[in-house]
N, C-alpha and C. Protein backbone atom coordinates (compact mmCIF):
# COMPACT_ATOMS: atom_id res chain seq x y z
N MET A 1 5.79 -8.78 -23.81
CA MET A 1 5.92 -7.35 -23.72
C MET A 1 4.71 -6.74 -23.02
N THR A 2 3.52 -7.24 -23.34
CA THR A 2 2.31 -6.72 -22.74
C THR A 2 2.25 -7.01 -21.25
N MET A 3 2.70 -8.19 -20.85
CA MET A 3 2.69 -8.52 -19.42
C MET A 3 3.64 -7.63 -18.64
N LYS A 4 4.77 -7.24 -19.22
CA LYS A 4 5.68 -6.32 -18.54
C LYS A 4 5.04 -4.96 -18.34
N ILE A 5 4.32 -4.49 -19.35
CA ILE A 5 3.64 -3.20 -19.24
C ILE A 5 2.57 -3.27 -18.16
N VAL A 6 1.81 -4.35 -18.12
CA VAL A 6 0.77 -4.52 -17.11
C VAL A 6 1.39 -4.60 -15.72
N LYS A 7 2.49 -5.34 -15.59
CA LYS A 7 3.15 -5.48 -14.28
C LYS A 7 3.69 -4.14 -13.79
N HIS A 8 4.33 -3.39 -14.66
CA HIS A 8 4.89 -2.10 -14.25
C HIS A 8 3.78 -1.09 -13.97
N THR A 9 2.71 -1.14 -14.73
CA THR A 9 1.57 -0.25 -14.46
C THR A 9 0.94 -0.58 -13.12
N TRP A 10 0.78 -1.87 -12.83
CA TRP A 10 0.25 -2.30 -11.54
C TRP A 10 1.14 -1.83 -10.41
N ASN A 11 2.45 -1.97 -10.56
CA ASN A 11 3.36 -1.56 -9.51
C ASN A 11 3.32 -0.06 -9.26
N VAL A 12 3.25 0.72 -10.31
CA VAL A 12 3.22 2.18 -10.14
C VAL A 12 1.90 2.62 -9.50
N LEU A 13 0.79 2.14 -10.02
CA LEU A 13 -0.50 2.57 -9.49
C LEU A 13 -0.73 2.09 -8.06
N SER A 14 -0.40 0.85 -7.79
CA SER A 14 -0.60 0.35 -6.42
C SER A 14 0.39 1.00 -5.46
N GLY A 15 1.60 1.32 -5.92
CA GLY A 15 2.57 1.98 -5.06
C GLY A 15 2.14 3.38 -4.68
N VAL A 16 1.63 4.13 -5.65
CA VAL A 16 1.15 5.48 -5.36
C VAL A 16 -0.06 5.42 -4.44
N PHE A 17 -0.96 4.48 -4.67
CA PHE A 17 -2.15 4.31 -3.84
C PHE A 17 -1.77 3.98 -2.40
N VAL A 18 -0.88 3.02 -2.21
CA VAL A 18 -0.49 2.60 -0.87
C VAL A 18 0.32 3.70 -0.17
N LEU A 19 1.22 4.36 -0.89
CA LEU A 19 2.01 5.43 -0.28
C LEU A 19 1.13 6.59 0.15
N PHE A 20 0.22 7.02 -0.71
CA PHE A 20 -0.67 8.13 -0.36
C PHE A 20 -1.53 7.80 0.85
N LEU A 21 -2.15 6.63 0.85
CA LEU A 21 -3.02 6.29 1.98
C LEU A 21 -2.22 5.99 3.25
N SER A 22 -1.01 5.47 3.12
CA SER A 22 -0.18 5.25 4.31
C SER A 22 0.23 6.58 4.94
N LEU A 23 0.61 7.53 4.12
CA LEU A 23 0.96 8.85 4.65
C LEU A 23 -0.26 9.55 5.24
N TRP A 24 -1.40 9.40 4.60
CA TRP A 24 -2.60 10.03 5.10
C TRP A 24 -3.04 9.42 6.43
N MET A 25 -2.99 8.10 6.52
CA MET A 25 -3.42 7.44 7.75
C MET A 25 -2.43 7.62 8.89
N SER A 26 -1.16 7.85 8.58
CA SER A 26 -0.17 8.01 9.66
C SER A 26 -0.08 9.45 10.14
N GLY A 27 -0.79 10.37 9.51
CA GLY A 27 -0.74 11.77 9.90
C GLY A 27 -1.45 12.04 11.21
N PRO A 28 -1.35 13.28 11.69
CA PRO A 28 -1.93 13.60 13.01
C PRO A 28 -3.44 13.67 13.02
N GLY A 29 -4.07 13.82 11.89
CA GLY A 29 -5.52 13.89 11.86
C GLY A 29 -6.02 15.23 12.32
N ILE A 30 -7.23 15.25 12.85
CA ILE A 30 -7.82 16.51 13.30
C ILE A 30 -8.08 16.47 14.79
N GLY A 31 -7.13 15.93 15.55
CA GLY A 31 -7.28 15.85 17.00
C GLY A 31 -7.31 17.23 17.63
N GLU A 32 -7.96 17.34 18.77
CA GLU A 32 -8.10 18.64 19.42
C GLU A 32 -7.04 18.87 20.49
N THR A 33 -6.04 18.04 20.55
CA THR A 33 -4.97 18.25 21.51
C THR A 33 -3.85 19.05 20.86
N ASP A 34 -2.98 19.62 21.69
CA ASP A 34 -1.87 20.41 21.17
C ASP A 34 -0.73 19.54 20.65
N THR A 35 -0.64 18.32 21.13
CA THR A 35 0.44 17.44 20.70
C THR A 35 -0.10 16.48 19.64
N PRO A 36 0.40 16.57 18.42
CA PRO A 36 -0.09 15.64 17.39
C PRO A 36 0.43 14.23 17.61
N THR A 37 -0.41 13.29 17.33
CA THR A 37 -0.01 11.89 17.45
C THR A 37 0.14 11.31 16.06
N TYR A 38 1.34 10.90 15.75
CA TYR A 38 1.59 10.28 14.46
C TYR A 38 1.54 8.76 14.62
N ARG A 39 0.84 8.11 13.75
CA ARG A 39 0.69 6.65 13.79
C ARG A 39 1.54 6.06 12.68
N TRP A 40 2.80 5.80 13.01
CA TRP A 40 3.76 5.34 12.01
C TRP A 40 3.55 3.89 11.62
N TYR A 41 2.73 3.15 12.37
CA TYR A 41 2.53 1.74 12.03
C TYR A 41 1.78 1.57 10.71
N PHE A 42 1.12 2.61 10.23
CA PHE A 42 0.49 2.52 8.91
C PHE A 42 1.54 2.50 7.80
N MET A 43 2.74 3.01 8.08
CA MET A 43 3.81 2.98 7.09
C MET A 43 4.34 1.55 6.89
N LEU A 44 4.04 0.65 7.82
CA LEU A 44 4.44 -0.74 7.67
C LEU A 44 3.78 -1.37 6.44
N LEU A 45 2.60 -0.90 6.10
CA LEU A 45 1.94 -1.43 4.90
C LEU A 45 2.69 -1.02 3.64
N PHE A 46 3.25 0.19 3.63
CA PHE A 46 4.06 0.60 2.48
C PHE A 46 5.35 -0.20 2.42
N ILE A 47 5.93 -0.49 3.58
CA ILE A 47 7.14 -1.33 3.62
C ILE A 47 6.82 -2.73 3.12
N LEU A 48 5.66 -3.26 3.52
CA LEU A 48 5.24 -4.58 3.03
C LEU A 48 5.06 -4.55 1.52
N TRP A 49 4.50 -3.48 0.99
CA TRP A 49 4.35 -3.35 -0.45
C TRP A 49 5.73 -3.32 -1.12
N GLY A 50 6.68 -2.61 -0.52
CA GLY A 50 8.03 -2.55 -1.08
C GLY A 50 8.72 -3.90 -1.09
N ILE A 51 8.50 -4.70 -0.05
CA ILE A 51 9.07 -6.04 0.00
C ILE A 51 8.48 -6.89 -1.13
N GLY A 52 7.17 -6.77 -1.33
CA GLY A 52 6.54 -7.50 -2.43
C GLY A 52 7.05 -7.05 -3.79
N LEU A 53 7.35 -5.76 -3.91
CA LEU A 53 7.90 -5.25 -5.17
C LEU A 53 9.26 -5.87 -5.45
N PHE A 54 10.12 -5.93 -4.46
CA PHE A 54 11.44 -6.53 -4.67
C PHE A 54 11.36 -8.03 -4.91
N MET A 55 10.34 -8.68 -4.34
CA MET A 55 10.19 -10.11 -4.57
C MET A 55 9.79 -10.41 -6.02
N GLN A 56 9.18 -9.44 -6.69
CA GLN A 56 8.74 -9.66 -8.06
C GLN A 56 9.90 -9.71 -9.05
N PHE A 57 11.07 -9.27 -8.68
CA PHE A 57 12.18 -9.23 -9.61
C PHE A 57 12.91 -10.57 -9.74
N LYS A 58 12.68 -11.49 -8.82
CA LYS A 58 13.27 -12.83 -8.93
C LYS A 58 12.22 -13.77 -9.49
N ASP A 59 12.65 -14.67 -10.35
CA ASP A 59 11.69 -15.59 -10.97
C ASP A 59 11.08 -16.56 -9.95
N ARG A 60 11.87 -16.94 -8.94
CA ARG A 60 11.35 -17.90 -7.95
C ARG A 60 10.24 -17.29 -7.09
N THR A 61 10.31 -16.00 -6.82
CA THR A 61 9.36 -15.39 -5.88
C THR A 61 8.43 -14.39 -6.57
N LYS A 62 8.29 -14.48 -7.86
CA LYS A 62 7.48 -13.51 -8.61
C LYS A 62 6.00 -13.57 -8.20
N LEU A 63 5.43 -14.76 -8.15
CA LEU A 63 4.02 -14.90 -7.79
C LEU A 63 3.77 -14.47 -6.34
N MET A 64 4.67 -14.87 -5.45
CA MET A 64 4.52 -14.47 -4.05
C MET A 64 4.65 -12.95 -3.91
N GLY A 65 5.50 -12.33 -4.71
CA GLY A 65 5.64 -10.87 -4.67
C GLY A 65 4.38 -10.16 -5.11
N ILE A 66 3.72 -10.70 -6.12
CA ILE A 66 2.45 -10.10 -6.56
C ILE A 66 1.40 -10.22 -5.46
N ILE A 67 1.36 -11.35 -4.80
CA ILE A 67 0.41 -11.54 -3.70
C ILE A 67 0.71 -10.60 -2.55
N VAL A 68 1.99 -10.45 -2.21
CA VAL A 68 2.38 -9.58 -1.10
C VAL A 68 2.08 -8.12 -1.42
N THR A 69 2.27 -7.69 -2.66
CA THR A 69 1.93 -6.31 -3.00
C THR A 69 0.42 -6.09 -3.01
N PHE A 70 -0.35 -7.14 -3.18
CA PHE A 70 -1.80 -6.98 -3.19
C PHE A 70 -2.37 -6.86 -1.77
N ILE A 71 -1.67 -7.33 -0.75
CA ILE A 71 -2.18 -7.29 0.63
C ILE A 71 -2.45 -5.86 1.09
N PRO A 72 -1.49 -4.92 1.01
CA PRO A 72 -1.82 -3.55 1.45
C PRO A 72 -2.85 -2.86 0.56
N VAL A 73 -2.82 -3.15 -0.73
CA VAL A 73 -3.81 -2.55 -1.64
C VAL A 73 -5.20 -3.05 -1.27
N GLY A 74 -5.32 -4.33 -1.04
CA GLY A 74 -6.61 -4.89 -0.64
C GLY A 74 -7.09 -4.36 0.70
N TYR A 75 -6.18 -4.20 1.65
CA TYR A 75 -6.53 -3.67 2.96
C TYR A 75 -7.10 -2.26 2.84
N TYR A 76 -6.38 -1.40 2.12
CA TYR A 76 -6.85 -0.02 1.97
C TYR A 76 -8.11 0.06 1.14
N LEU A 77 -8.24 -0.77 0.13
CA LEU A 77 -9.42 -0.77 -0.71
C LEU A 77 -10.66 -1.20 0.08
N ILE A 78 -10.54 -2.26 0.86
CA ILE A 78 -11.66 -2.71 1.69
C ILE A 78 -11.99 -1.68 2.75
N PHE A 79 -10.96 -1.09 3.37
CA PHE A 79 -11.16 -0.06 4.38
C PHE A 79 -11.88 1.16 3.78
N TYR A 80 -11.47 1.56 2.59
CA TYR A 80 -12.10 2.69 1.92
C TYR A 80 -13.55 2.39 1.56
N ILE A 81 -13.83 1.22 1.06
CA ILE A 81 -15.20 0.86 0.69
C ILE A 81 -16.10 0.81 1.92
N LEU A 82 -15.57 0.28 3.03
CA LEU A 82 -16.37 0.24 4.26
C LEU A 82 -16.68 1.64 4.79
N VAL A 83 -15.71 2.54 4.68
CA VAL A 83 -15.94 3.91 5.15
C VAL A 83 -16.94 4.64 4.27
N VAL A 84 -16.84 4.46 2.97
CA VAL A 84 -17.75 5.15 2.05
C VAL A 84 -19.17 4.63 2.22
N ASN A 85 -19.34 3.36 2.46
CA ASN A 85 -20.68 2.78 2.57
C ASN A 85 -21.33 3.01 3.92
N SER A 86 -20.59 3.45 4.93
CA SER A 86 -21.20 3.62 6.24
C SER A 86 -21.70 5.02 6.47
């Protein structure tokens, strides 16, 4: 029972984290041109997270799903730490 709570908490928190940062990174930013440029390739990380989420529901691919959901979280976490420290 405790592992289910931990798994669902991980999925909710990491999903909100990846979705928020994917939307933020794909936005137009503060460019000085009149035409905003949207970078939709950052949304691929949220799609990758979603694939990992669905992989967690099958017993055969549960571990691989956890690893796949950790890839975008780790990417954004490392990216955030590098930006804060510079």
